Amino acid sequence: MYQKISSSWLKHWDFILLDFIFLQAAYVLAYLLRNGTLNPYADELYRNIAVIICMADICAVFFLEGYRGIMRRGYFQELKAVLEHVLTICIFELAYLYLTQGGERFSRGAFIIFVFAAVLLLYAERIVWKNYLLRHKKVFYKQKALLVVTTSDRAEHTLQVIQNHTYNELTIAGVILADKENTAEQKISGIPVVCTVEEIPSYIQTRWIDGIIIDQSSRTLLPEKITNICIAMGVSIHRSIAEVGKEGSGNQEMERLGGFMVVTTAMRMATARQLFLKRALDICGAVVGLILTLILSIFVAPAIFISSPGPVIFSQTRVGKNGRRFKIYKFRSMYLDAEKRKKELMEKNEMNGLMFKMDADPRIIGSGPDGTRHGIGWFIRKTSIDELPQFYNILKGEMSLVGTRPPTEDEWEQYEYHHRGRMAIKPGLTGMWQVSGRSNITDFEEVVKLDMDYIQHWNIGLDIKILLKTVLVVLKGQGSK
């Protein structure tokens, strides 16, 4: 996962402001319908909740990226985004009421009305405002008029690309064909060819032109003299570096790197805010997890040592994000010679691919010769207690709460090209594979598919969903062996 240098959420300040206003309107409406007055701010508790709603709204704007692609979203997608936004605010609201013990004094009816009113008002506001912008954006956003410099063989395609990605915010005032001298009464896709390259300064001198787009992919070059004249006249020069979506199926971002302006293409882009929130969640989870680990180790460590004298903690070199090596830590659930015996048991591997899984693994502490399962080894594996020391890896930043399973070095060395993509993020304590059947999945390609699906659709909400599912899976013992 690649971190973006910047994000563009501020360009949707209008939606942010309208959401803020309509959330308060929903709150006032809920108070009116429940209490018969229009001033919830007179009561201290209700006034505090109003402030919490504002703070939660700011957090949702800052962390959830809920406004990204808002102009491209359909009706159902917009409803989903509104529900996520309102749900986030409700979580903050309920947390405040719980921590301050104000739930008895706050009307449940007002809360329920607020939820429904907020969803309806925000959804209606976004749809109406979006439709208004699509019809009147030229006036509201002071639409820019541009000239396009390209070549005759690429002109039609270049114009189509620009028009498909502008949402009415750009007006193409004319086309300039760098490889043609005669421009008399010629049009391309309805856009007039207005002048030659040499005539650009005189053409824009008395016309509304904000900028010039130069199609670099057509090897079009604007003479330095003409470029300098245009800039001196207040006209911006835009040089295309890469076509959106052209390079593979990844996401693209322009940034400065090593003294160069580059277009970065990656499988998945994440903003600094998103990564900050994920790391904050990791740290909080790791601190709580390590406290739990220390408490359980009082009972688990002696049981392991008595059953199989030796180190209580098992460490092994694993492969992390993009090939980084690190030491992973677990409570030892296997006998000391487990790694040596693994080679002997490879023919009994039940996993199709580059992972080792065995139903009645004799290396686990407490395994009987007849395949019976009892003892501390099987217990800590079934309950996933053996994984708890990895909270230390998470705190160090080598792992994340949610991610992909870190392979061993011998597994990593056998990876094919498409397998490596699953290591584009930090490995996790849990992940899509663990909550989708765990050891019941016997095909490594299915594991890869689940991991890639997680990476490509990652957001902080998905992490929380997987963490909650993990708790249920562990408590029920689903798929554990």
Foldseek 3Di string as FASTA:
>chain_A
DAAAPDDDLVVVVVLLVQLLVQLVVLLQVLCCVVPVDRDLCVDPLSVVLNVLLVVQSVLCSLAFVLCVCLLVDDLVSLLVSQLVSLVSSVVSSVVVCVVVVVPVVDDPSSVVSSSVSSSVRSSVVSVVVSVVCLVPVCVVVVAAEEEEEAAPVCVQVVVVLCVVPQSPRYHDQAYEHAVDQDQPQDDHPNGGHDHYLVCVLVVPVPDRHAEYEYECVRVDDRDPVSVVSCVVSNHYYHYDDDRACPPDNFHWDWDDDPNDTDIDGDNDYDYPSQVVVQLVVLQVVLVVLVVVLVVCCVPLVVQVCVLENDDQKDWAWFAAALGDIDIAIWGDQFHPCLVVCCVVCVVQALAAALDGDHDLDPRGRPQDPVSDDDGSSQVCQLLVSRRSVRSVVSNVVQAGQEAAATHHPVSVVPDDPLQNVSRNHGHHSYYQCQLVQPQVHRYVVVSSVRSSVCRNPPGVVVVVVRVVSNVVCSVVSGNTD
